[in-house]
Amino acid sequence: MNLAQIESEILSLPEEDRAKLAQKLLLSLEEPTNEEFDRIWGEESARRIAEFDAGHVQAISGEVVAARARALLK
């Protein structure tokens, strides 16, 4: 079986199964060093702040996020 066949089969799976597989695949990759982790999240933080400052995204309160998370778990 080649990569294209595997990809086709994976994409035909239900969303929940694809998400579980994606998580396993990501966890199977080499973990970044602390320095790499700090750099990656620093870059991501800067990107998110820039998007917020530019008005491309809106803040959502912690209460709203928690309520939505609870609703998804029901």
N, C-alpha and C. Protein backbone atom coordinates (compact mmCIF):
# COMPACT_ATOMS: atom_id res chain seq x y z
N MET A 1 0.86 -1.17 0.00
CA MET A 1 0.00 0.00 0.00
C MET A 1 0.91 1.24 0.00
N ASN A 2 0.61 2.21 -0.84
CA ASN A 2 1.43 3.42 -0.90
C ASN A 2 0.78 4.56 -0.11
N LEU A 3 1.49 5.65 -0.02
CA LEU A 3 1.03 6.78 0.78
C LEU A 3 -0.31 7.33 0.28
N ALA A 4 -0.49 7.41 -1.02
CA ALA A 4 -1.74 7.93 -1.58
C ALA A 4 -2.92 7.05 -1.19
N GLN A 5 -2.73 5.74 -1.19
CA GLN A 5 -3.79 4.81 -0.79
C GLN A 5 -4.11 4.96 0.69
N ILE A 6 -3.07 5.07 1.50
CA ILE A 6 -3.28 5.24 2.94
C ILE A 6 -4.02 6.54 3.21
N GLU A 7 -3.58 7.60 2.54
CA GLU A 7 -4.24 8.90 2.72
C GLU A 7 -5.71 8.83 2.33
N SER A 8 -6.00 8.19 1.22
CA SER A 8 -7.39 8.06 0.76
C SER A 8 -8.24 7.32 1.79
N GLU A 9 -7.70 6.24 2.33
CA GLU A 9 -8.44 5.47 3.34
C GLU A 9 -8.66 6.29 4.61
N ILE A 10 -7.62 6.99 5.03
CA ILE A 10 -7.73 7.80 6.25
C ILE A 10 -8.78 8.88 6.08
N LEU A 11 -8.78 9.56 4.93
CA LEU A 11 -9.73 10.64 4.71
C LEU A 11 -11.17 10.15 4.60
N SER A 12 -11.35 8.85 4.39
CA SER A 12 -12.71 8.30 4.33
C SER A 12 -13.24 7.91 5.71
N LEU A 13 -12.37 7.96 6.72
CA LEU A 13 -12.79 7.64 8.08
C LEU A 13 -13.69 8.73 8.65
N PRO A 14 -14.52 8.39 9.64
CA PRO A 14 -15.31 9.41 10.32
C PRO A 14 -14.39 10.43 10.99
N GLU A 15 -14.88 11.64 11.17
CA GLU A 15 -14.08 12.73 11.73
C GLU A 15 -13.44 12.37 13.06
N GLU A 16 -14.18 11.74 13.94
CA GLU A 16 -13.65 11.39 15.26
C GLU A 16 -12.45 10.44 15.14
N ASP A 17 -12.55 9.46 14.26
CA ASP A 17 -11.45 8.52 14.05
C ASP A 17 -10.23 9.22 13.45
N ARG A 18 -10.47 10.15 12.50
CA ARG A 18 -9.36 10.90 11.92
C ARG A 18 -8.67 11.75 12.97
N ALA A 19 -9.46 12.34 13.87
CA ALA A 19 -8.88 13.17 14.93
C ALA A 19 -8.01 12.32 15.86
N LYS A 20 -8.50 11.14 16.22
CA LYS A 20 -7.71 10.25 17.09
C LYS A 20 -6.41 9.84 16.41
N LEU A 21 -6.50 9.51 15.13
CA LEU A 21 -5.31 9.12 14.38
C LEU A 21 -4.34 10.29 14.26
N ALA A 22 -4.86 11.46 14.00
CA ALA A 22 -4.00 12.64 13.89
C ALA A 22 -3.25 12.88 15.20
N GLN A 23 -3.95 12.73 16.30
CA GLN A 23 -3.30 12.92 17.60
C GLN A 23 -2.19 11.89 17.81
N LYS A 24 -2.45 10.64 17.48
CA LYS A 24 -1.42 9.61 17.63
C LYS A 24 -0.22 9.89 16.74
N LEU A 25 -0.49 10.33 15.51
CA LEU A 25 0.61 10.64 14.60
C LEU A 25 1.45 11.81 15.12
N LEU A 26 0.78 12.84 15.59
CA LEU A 26 1.51 13.99 16.12
C LEU A 26 2.35 13.60 17.33
N LEU A 27 1.79 12.77 18.20
CA LEU A 27 2.52 12.34 19.38
C LEU A 27 3.70 11.44 19.02
N SER A 28 3.62 10.80 17.86
CA SER A 28 4.70 9.90 17.47
C SER A 28 5.92 10.65 16.93
N LEU A 29 5.73 11.92 16.62
CA LEU A 29 6.85 12.71 16.11
C LEU A 29 7.79 13.06 17.25
N GLU A 30 9.01 13.34 16.91
CA GLU A 30 10.00 13.70 17.91
C GLU A 30 9.54 14.95 18.66
N GLU A 31 9.62 14.90 19.96
CA GLU A 31 9.22 16.05 20.76
C GLU A 31 10.27 17.16 20.65
N PRO A 32 9.81 18.40 20.59
CA PRO A 32 10.77 19.50 20.50
C PRO A 32 11.53 19.69 21.81
N THR A 33 12.71 20.26 21.71
CA THR A 33 13.46 20.61 22.92
C THR A 33 12.73 21.76 23.60
N ASN A 34 13.08 22.04 24.83
CA ASN A 34 12.47 23.16 25.55
C ASN A 34 12.69 24.46 24.79
N GLU A 35 13.87 24.63 24.22
CA GLU A 35 14.16 25.85 23.47
C GLU A 35 13.28 25.95 22.23
N GLU A 36 13.11 24.83 21.53
CA GLU A 36 12.26 24.82 20.34
C GLU A 36 10.80 25.09 20.72
N PHE A 37 10.37 24.47 21.81
CA PHE A 37 9.01 24.65 22.29
C PHE A 37 8.77 26.12 22.62
N ASP A 38 9.70 26.74 23.34
CA ASP A 38 9.57 28.15 23.69
C ASP A 38 9.54 29.03 22.44
N ARG A 39 10.39 28.72 21.46
CA ARG A 39 10.44 29.51 20.23
C ARG A 39 9.13 29.38 19.46
N ILE A 40 8.65 28.14 19.32
CA ILE A 40 7.42 27.89 18.56
C ILE A 40 6.24 28.61 19.20
N TRP A 41 6.08 28.49 20.52
CA TRP A 41 4.96 29.14 21.18
C TRP A 41 5.14 30.64 21.24
N GLY A 42 6.38 31.11 21.29
CA GLY A 42 6.61 32.55 21.21
C GLY A 42 6.15 33.11 19.88
N GLU A 43 6.48 32.40 18.81
CA GLU A 43 6.04 32.82 17.47
C GLU A 43 4.52 32.77 17.35
N GLU A 44 3.92 31.70 17.87
CA GLU A 44 2.47 31.57 17.81
C GLU A 44 1.79 32.67 18.63
N SER A 45 2.33 32.97 19.79
CA SER A 45 1.77 34.04 20.62
C SER A 45 1.84 35.38 19.90
N ALA A 46 2.98 35.66 19.29
CA ALA A 46 3.15 36.92 18.55
C ALA A 46 2.16 36.99 17.39
N ARG A 47 1.96 35.87 16.70
CA ARG A 47 1.01 35.85 15.58
C ARG A 47 -0.40 36.12 16.06
N ARG A 48 -0.78 35.49 17.17
CA ARG A 48 -2.14 35.67 17.70
C ARG A 48 -2.35 37.10 18.18
N ILE A 49 -1.37 37.67 18.83
CA ILE A 49 -1.47 39.06 19.30
C ILE A 49 -1.61 40.00 18.11
N ALA A 50 -0.82 39.77 17.07
CA ALA A 50 -0.89 40.62 15.88
C ALA A 50 -2.27 40.52 15.22
N GLU A 51 -2.84 39.32 15.15
CA GLU A 51 -4.18 39.15 14.58
C GLU A 51 -5.21 39.89 15.42
N PHE A 52 -5.09 39.81 16.74
CA PHE A 52 -6.03 40.50 17.62
C PHE A 52 -5.88 42.01 17.47
N ASP A 53 -4.64 42.49 17.51
CA ASP A 53 -4.39 43.93 17.40
C ASP A 53 -4.88 44.49 16.07
N ALA A 54 -4.81 43.68 15.02
CA ALA A 54 -5.25 44.13 13.70
C ALA A 54 -6.77 44.03 13.53
N GLY A 55 -7.44 43.46 14.52
CA GLY A 55 -8.90 43.33 14.45
C GLY A 55 -9.39 42.16 13.62
N HIS A 56 -8.50 41.23 13.32
CA HIS A 56 -8.88 40.06 12.52
C HIS A 56 -9.60 39.00 13.35
N VAL A 57 -9.40 39.03 14.66
CA VAL A 57 -10.07 38.08 15.56
C VAL A 57 -10.59 38.85 16.77
N GLN A 58 -11.56 38.28 17.42
CA GLN A 58 -12.13 38.89 18.62
C GLN A 58 -11.85 38.00 19.82
N ALA A 59 -11.69 38.63 20.96
CA ALA A 59 -11.49 37.89 22.21
C ALA A 59 -12.82 37.26 22.64
N ILE A 60 -12.72 36.12 23.27
CA ILE A 60 -13.89 35.44 23.84
C ILE A 60 -13.60 35.25 25.32
N SER A 61 -14.55 35.59 26.15
CA SER A 61 -14.33 35.49 27.60
C SER A 61 -14.15 34.04 28.02
N GLY A 62 -13.44 33.86 29.12
CA GLY A 62 -13.22 32.53 29.66
C GLY A 62 -14.53 31.83 30.01
N GLU A 63 -15.51 32.62 30.47
CA GLU A 63 -16.81 32.04 30.82
C GLU A 63 -17.50 31.45 29.59
N VAL A 64 -17.41 32.17 28.47
CA VAL A 64 -18.04 31.70 27.24
C VAL A 64 -17.33 30.44 26.74
N VAL A 65 -16.00 30.45 26.79
CA VAL A 65 -15.24 29.27 26.35
C VAL A 65 -15.59 28.06 27.21
N ALA A 66 -15.64 28.25 28.52
CA ALA A 66 -15.98 27.15 29.43
C ALA A 66 -17.38 26.62 29.17
N ALA A 67 -18.33 27.53 28.94
CA ALA A 67 -19.70 27.11 28.67
C ALA A 67 -19.77 26.31 27.38
N ARG A 68 -19.07 26.76 26.35
CA ARG A 68 -19.07 26.03 25.08
C ARG A 68 -18.42 24.66 25.24
N ALA A 69 -17.35 24.59 26.00
CA ALA A 69 -16.68 23.31 26.23
C ALA A 69 -17.60 22.35 26.97
N ARG A 70 -18.27 22.85 27.99
CA ARG A 70 -19.22 22.00 28.73
C ARG A 70 -20.33 21.50 27.83
N ALA A 71 -20.83 22.36 26.94
CA ALA A 71 -21.90 21.97 26.02
C ALA A 71 -21.42 20.88 25.07
N LEU A 72 -20.17 20.96 24.63
CA LEU A 72 -19.63 19.94 23.73
C LEU A 72 -19.47 18.60 24.41
N LEU A 73 -19.25 18.61 25.72
CA LEU A 73 -19.03 17.38 26.47
C LEU A 73 -20.34 16.68 26.83
N LYS A 74 -21.45 17.36 26.64
CA LYS A 74 -22.75 16.74 26.97
C LYS A 74 -23.19 15.80 25.92
